[in-house]
Amino acid sequence: MTTTDTIASTTPPAPSASPTATTLGQLTDETPDVMTLHTQDAFRMFTGRAADAQTQTFAIPGGRRFAAVLKSIWYLSANDNPYADWILIRVYQTLVAIRAQMAQAISEREAEFEALRRKGLNLSVLRSRSPATVALGFRSPYGYACAEAIVEFDYHVRMVKTLVLKDRLSDDDGRAAIREIGRGLRALFLEPIRWERRLLREEMLHLSRRDFLPGADEVARQRMHIAVTLFGEVPRAVFTGEDAPRHSQRRITPTAAELRLLRQVSLSIETLPVLAEPVAGQLL
């Protein structure tokens, strides 16, 4: 018997495929996600307002548009784009601050209701007889963060309108309390739109941290110059990844040598050589 025959005769048969190796389907929601809103203020905050040339009214982005914009930027973070990371960090921090402001206001209102209960006056919070049920189905975590803020805003408005109706707040004070939070949310919804429009232009889609490194080609350096000119110098902690978004598609872990380079490379266009003329039709 040859050596080959011996090996063949002593090698055990290959095990059958394990059931755990079966390819599983993508995870999906068991039931549709929905959001219930009781006030027109919150519903308009979510839907926004379309532009109307006939009445000369301009568009106002709502939470739905805001969620879609953040989804696009979240996807863009997969390209190792430091500016995508930066705007995600900034927007989420602002959203957290607004939600904390609402939580404080709601807590104060709830304490007022509780004080009245102790005195013997039990007041209920207003709710709609026909609330709006909105299907969500967001494809990024930022959409759900936005939805939770909208629901909290809805409850805040309900609390304020209850206190106005039941003579705990004046009409003017009630409108001011709703307007204060509403202005903050609308300003937040506007901020990332400018970033999305520019970062998702064809010539900017491939912007990444590599564009800042020595050895980057001319087109990469032009992308970097445009980004710094439009958005300013990205913070060093964001560039190195030490300050990262709560949710990101970035899956790059730099080596120790690469991290040292990220900490040392210039992030300012003033310290870099003058660029050659951009290629026609390539960069603006």
Protein backbone atom coordinates (compact mmCIF):
# COMPACT_ATOMS: atom_id res chain seq x y z
CA MET A 1 0.00 0.00 0.00
CA THR A 2 1.33 3.41 -0.89
CA THR A 3 1.66 6.32 1.52
CA THR A 4 -1.21 8.05 -0.22
CA ASP A 5 -3.42 5.00 0.20
CA THR A 6 -2.56 4.84 3.92
CA ILE A 7 -3.51 8.48 4.50
CA ALA A 8 -6.73 8.08 2.58
CA SER A 9 -7.71 5.00 4.57
CA THR A 10 -7.06 6.60 7.98
CA THR A 11 -8.56 10.05 7.37
CA PRO A 12 -12.08 10.29 8.85
CA PRO A 13 -14.86 11.40 6.53
CA ALA A 14 -15.53 15.15 6.47
CA PRO A 15 -18.30 16.12 8.87
CA SER A 16 -21.59 17.20 7.38
CA ALA A 17 -22.30 20.91 7.31
CA SER A 18 -23.33 22.21 10.71
CA PRO A 19 -26.85 23.64 10.98
CA THR A 20 -25.28 26.80 12.44
CA ALA A 21 -23.47 27.38 9.14
CA THR A 22 -26.78 27.91 7.36
CA THR A 23 -27.06 31.37 5.81
CA LEU A 24 -29.65 33.36 7.78
CA GLY A 25 -31.85 36.09 6.42
CA GLN A 26 -31.41 39.75 7.26
CA LEU A 27 -32.89 40.89 10.56
CA THR A 28 -36.10 42.85 10.18
CA ASP A 29 -38.77 44.37 12.42
CA GLU A 30 -41.32 41.86 13.64
CA THR A 31 -44.03 44.53 13.52
CA PRO A 32 -44.04 48.02 11.94
CA ASP A 33 -42.67 50.84 14.08
CA VAL A 34 -45.17 53.64 14.63
CA MET A 35 -45.25 57.00 16.38
CA THR A 36 -48.44 58.47 17.86
CA LEU A 37 -48.79 62.25 17.92
CA HIS A 38 -51.56 64.27 19.59
CA THR A 39 -50.74 67.85 18.58
CA GLN A 40 -50.56 69.73 15.29
CA ASP A 41 -47.37 71.37 16.55
CA ALA A 42 -45.55 68.04 16.78
CA PHE A 43 -47.05 66.67 13.55
CA ARG A 44 -45.87 69.73 11.59
CA MET A 45 -42.51 69.52 13.33
CA PHE A 46 -42.13 66.03 11.91
CA THR A 47 -43.52 66.57 8.42
CA GLY A 48 -42.18 70.07 7.80
CA ARG A 49 -43.69 72.31 5.14
CA ALA A 50 -43.31 72.14 1.37
CA ALA A 51 -42.54 75.28 -0.63
CA ASP A 52 -45.47 76.88 -2.44
CA ALA A 53 -44.69 79.25 -5.31
CA GLN A 54 -48.31 80.43 -5.52
CA THR A 55 -48.43 81.66 -1.94
CA GLN A 56 -44.68 82.45 -1.94
CA THR A 57 -44.06 80.34 1.13
CA PHE A 58 -40.66 78.72 1.50
CA ALA A 59 -39.99 75.14 2.55
CA ILE A 60 -39.37 74.30 6.20
CA PRO A 61 -37.62 70.96 6.76
CA GLY A 62 -39.11 68.74 9.43
CA GLY A 63 -37.91 65.74 11.37
CA ARG A 64 -38.60 63.38 8.48
CA ARG A 65 -36.27 65.31 6.16
CA PHE A 66 -33.72 65.64 8.96
CA ALA A 67 -33.71 61.86 9.48
CA ALA A 68 -33.21 61.26 5.73
CA VAL A 69 -30.28 63.68 5.61
CA LEU A 70 -28.58 62.06 8.59
CA LYS A 71 -29.06 58.63 7.02
CA SER A 72 -27.16 59.79 3.92
CA ILE A 73 -24.34 61.25 6.03
CA TRP A 74 -24.28 58.11 8.20
CA TYR A 75 -23.78 56.01 5.06
CA LEU A 76 -21.07 58.45 3.91
CA SER A 77 -19.12 57.87 7.13
CA ALA A 78 -18.27 54.41 5.75
CA ASN A 79 -15.83 56.14 3.37
CA ASP A 80 -13.64 57.20 6.33
CA ASN A 81 -14.92 60.74 5.80
CA PRO A 82 -13.93 62.92 8.80
CA TYR A 83 -16.49 65.59 7.95
CA ALA A 84 -19.32 63.06 7.95
CA ASP A 85 -18.21 62.00 11.43
CA TRP A 86 -17.95 65.63 12.55
CA ILE A 87 -21.48 66.66 11.52
CA LEU A 88 -22.95 63.48 13.04
CA ILE A 89 -21.25 64.33 16.34
CA ARG A 90 -22.36 67.97 16.26
CA VAL A 91 -25.96 67.22 15.35
CA TYR A 92 -26.36 64.47 17.92
CA GLN A 93 -24.88 66.63 20.68
CA THR A 94 -27.34 69.40 19.84
CA LEU A 95 -30.23 66.95 19.75
CA VAL A 96 -29.25 65.61 23.18
CA ALA A 97 -29.11 69.18 24.54
CA ILE A 98 -32.58 70.01 23.19
CA ARG A 99 -34.01 66.80 24.62
CA ALA A 100 -32.45 67.62 28.00
CA GLN A 101 -34.06 71.06 27.84
CA MET A 102 -37.44 69.47 27.12
CA ALA A 103 -36.97 66.89 29.89
CA GLN A 104 -36.29 69.69 32.37
CA ALA A 105 -39.38 71.62 31.28
CA ILE A 106 -41.56 68.49 31.41
CA SER A 107 -40.21 67.59 34.85
CA GLU A 108 -41.13 71.04 36.15
CA ARG A 109 -44.64 70.76 34.69
CA GLU A 110 -45.13 67.29 36.15
CA ALA A 111 -44.04 68.57 39.56
CA GLU A 112 -46.66 71.30 39.25
CA PHE A 113 -49.35 68.70 38.46
CA GLU A 114 -48.23 66.62 41.44
CA ALA A 115 -48.38 69.63 43.75
CA LEU A 116 -51.97 70.25 42.65
CA ARG A 117 -52.85 66.59 43.29
CA ARG A 118 -51.56 66.88 46.84
CA LYS A 119 -53.92 69.81 47.30
CA GLY A 120 -56.83 67.78 45.98
CA LEU A 121 -56.99 69.00 42.36
CA ASN A 122 -56.29 66.12 39.99
CA LEU A 123 -55.75 67.41 36.44
CA SER A 124 -55.29 65.18 33.39
CA VAL A 125 -53.00 65.99 30.46
CA LEU A 126 -54.80 66.81 27.23
CA ARG A 127 -54.74 64.26 24.44
CA SER A 128 -56.24 64.14 20.96
CA ARG A 129 -59.51 62.36 20.31
CA SER A 130 -58.03 61.25 16.97
CA PRO A 131 -54.22 61.12 17.29
CA ALA A 132 -52.09 60.67 14.18
CA THR A 133 -50.28 57.36 13.88
CA VAL A 134 -47.14 57.73 11.78
CA ALA A 135 -45.29 54.71 10.35
CA LEU A 136 -41.54 55.04 10.81
CA GLY A 137 -39.32 52.37 9.29
CA PHE A 138 -36.14 54.43 9.54
CA ARG A 139 -32.95 52.87 8.20
CA SER A 140 -30.54 54.61 10.55
CA PRO A 141 -30.37 55.03 14.34
CA TYR A 142 -30.53 58.81 13.89
CA GLY A 143 -34.06 58.58 12.51
CA TYR A 144 -35.24 56.90 15.70
CA ALA A 145 -33.42 59.47 17.85
CA CYS A 146 -35.29 62.16 15.94
CA ALA A 147 -38.64 60.36 16.36
CA GLU A 148 -38.13 60.13 20.12
CA ALA A 149 -37.41 63.87 20.26
CA ILE A 150 -40.61 64.57 18.29
CA VAL A 151 -42.66 62.43 20.69
CA GLU A 152 -41.13 64.29 23.64
CA PHE A 153 -41.96 67.60 21.95
CA ASP A 154 -45.54 66.39 21.48
CA TYR A 155 -45.82 65.61 25.19
CA HIS A 156 -44.25 68.97 26.08
CA VAL A 157 -46.87 70.78 23.95
CA ARG A 158 -49.67 68.75 25.53
CA MET A 159 -48.44 69.67 29.00
CA VAL A 160 -48.19 73.37 28.15
CA LYS A 161 -51.63 73.51 26.51
CA THR A 162 -53.12 71.72 29.50
CA LEU A 163 -51.68 74.31 31.85
CA VAL A 164 -52.95 77.16 29.66
CA LEU A 165 -56.47 75.68 29.46
CA LYS A 166 -56.55 75.11 33.21
CA ASP A 167 -55.27 78.58 34.11
CA ARG A 168 -51.78 77.61 35.24
CA LEU A 169 -50.13 79.54 32.37
CA SER A 170 -51.19 82.59 30.38
CA ASP A 171 -51.73 82.36 26.62
CA ASP A 172 -48.52 84.32 25.95
CA ASP A 173 -46.45 82.22 28.34
CA GLY A 174 -47.78 79.04 26.80
CA ARG A 175 -46.95 80.14 23.23
CA ALA A 176 -43.49 81.23 24.35
CA ALA A 177 -42.79 77.87 26.03
CA ILE A 178 -43.73 75.95 22.86
CA ARG A 179 -41.90 78.38 20.57
CA GLU A 180 -38.66 78.16 22.58
CA ILE A 181 -38.29 74.42 22.04
CA GLY A 182 -39.69 74.54 18.51
CA ARG A 183 -37.13 77.07 17.32
CA GLY A 184 -34.29 74.94 18.61
CA LEU A 185 -35.56 71.85 16.79
CA ARG A 186 -36.13 73.69 13.50
CA ALA A 187 -32.65 75.21 13.62
CA LEU A 188 -31.22 71.75 14.24
CA PHE A 189 -33.12 70.27 11.29
CA LEU A 190 -31.62 72.90 8.98
CA GLU A 191 -27.97 72.45 9.97
CA PRO A 192 -27.03 69.14 8.29
CA ILE A 193 -28.78 69.93 4.98
CA ARG A 194 -25.99 72.27 3.85
CA TRP A 195 -23.42 69.60 4.67
CA GLU A 196 -25.32 66.87 2.84
CA ARG A 197 -25.72 68.90 -0.34
CA ARG A 198 -21.99 69.53 -0.56
CA LEU A 199 -20.55 66.29 0.80
CA LEU A 200 -22.72 64.21 -1.54
CA ARG A 201 -21.68 66.03 -4.69
CA GLU A 202 -20.04 63.62 -7.07
CA GLU A 203 -16.60 65.22 -6.83
CA MET A 204 -16.71 65.04 -2.99
CA LEU A 205 -18.04 61.52 -2.50
CA HIS A 206 -14.58 59.98 -2.13
CA LEU A 207 -13.35 62.49 0.48
CA SER A 208 -11.52 60.58 3.23
CA ARG A 209 -8.81 60.97 5.81
CA ARG A 210 -6.32 59.70 3.23
CA ASP A 211 -6.76 62.97 1.32
CA PHE A 212 -4.93 64.78 4.14
CA LEU A 213 -1.93 62.43 4.24
CA PRO A 214 1.45 62.93 2.53
CA GLY A 215 1.45 61.28 -0.87
CA ALA A 216 -2.20 62.10 -1.63
CA ASP A 217 -2.67 62.78 -5.32
CA GLU A 218 -3.74 66.12 -6.76
CA VAL A 219 -7.45 65.28 -6.98
CA ALA A 220 -7.47 64.10 -3.36
CA ARG A 221 -5.74 67.30 -2.21
CA GLN A 222 -8.29 69.37 -4.11
CA ARG A 223 -11.11 67.54 -2.32
CA MET A 224 -9.44 68.27 0.99
CA HIS A 225 -9.01 71.97 0.14
CA ILE A 226 -12.67 72.30 -0.80
CA ALA A 227 -13.82 70.55 2.41
CA VAL A 228 -11.68 72.79 4.65
CA THR A 229 -12.80 75.91 2.76
CA LEU A 230 -16.49 75.01 3.02
CA PHE A 231 -16.68 73.56 6.52
CA GLY A 232 -13.57 74.71 8.36
CA GLU A 233 -10.78 72.71 9.96
CA VAL A 234 -11.98 69.39 11.33
CA PRO A 235 -11.16 68.95 15.05
CA ARG A 236 -8.10 66.78 15.62
CA ALA A 237 -9.91 64.40 17.98
CA VAL A 238 -12.54 63.75 15.30
CA PHE A 239 -9.87 63.27 12.63
CA THR A 240 -8.00 60.66 14.68
CA GLY A 241 -11.24 58.91 15.66
CA GLU A 242 -10.78 59.56 19.38
CA ASP A 243 -14.02 61.58 19.25
CA ALA A 244 -16.41 59.40 17.25
CA PRO A 245 -20.14 59.61 16.46
CA ARG A 246 -22.53 57.60 18.57
CA HIS A 247 -23.39 55.69 15.37
CA SER A 248 -21.00 55.45 12.41
CA GLN A 249 -20.45 53.20 9.41
CA ARG A 250 -16.70 53.67 9.68
CA ARG A 251 -15.02 50.28 10.16
CA ILE A 252 -11.34 51.30 9.99
CA THR A 253 -9.02 50.72 12.93
CA PRO A 254 -5.69 52.50 12.29
CA THR A 255 -2.42 50.93 13.37
CA ALA A 256 -0.22 52.68 15.92
CA ALA A 257 1.94 54.10 13.11
CA GLU A 258 -1.10 55.31 11.18
CA LEU A 259 -2.54 56.90 14.32
CA ARG A 260 0.71 58.81 14.92
CA LEU A 261 0.49 60.12 11.37
CA LEU A 262 -3.15 61.17 11.84
CA ARG A 263 -2.12 63.10 14.95
CA GLN A 264 0.72 64.89 13.16
CA VAL A 265 -0.59 65.65 9.67
CA SER A 266 -1.74 69.21 8.96
CA LEU A 267 -5.48 69.78 8.82
CA SER A 268 -5.19 73.34 7.56
CA ILE A 269 -4.85 74.38 3.91
CA GLU A 270 -2.55 77.27 4.87
CA THR A 271 0.35 74.93 5.62
CA LEU A 272 0.09 72.95 2.39
CA PRO A 273 1.69 73.67 -1.00
CA VAL A 274 -0.28 75.69 -3.53
CA LEU A 275 -2.56 73.51 -5.59
CA ALA A 276 -2.33 73.12 -9.32
CA GLU A 277 -5.29 74.27 -11.39
CA PRO A 278 -8.23 71.87 -10.93
CA VAL A 279 -9.03 69.56 -13.78
CA ALA A 280 -11.92 70.94 -15.85
CA GLY A 281 -15.23 69.34 -14.89
CA GLN A 282 -13.64 67.48 -11.99
CA LEU A 283 -13.81 69.78 -8.99
CA LEU A 284 -15.48 73.10 -8.40
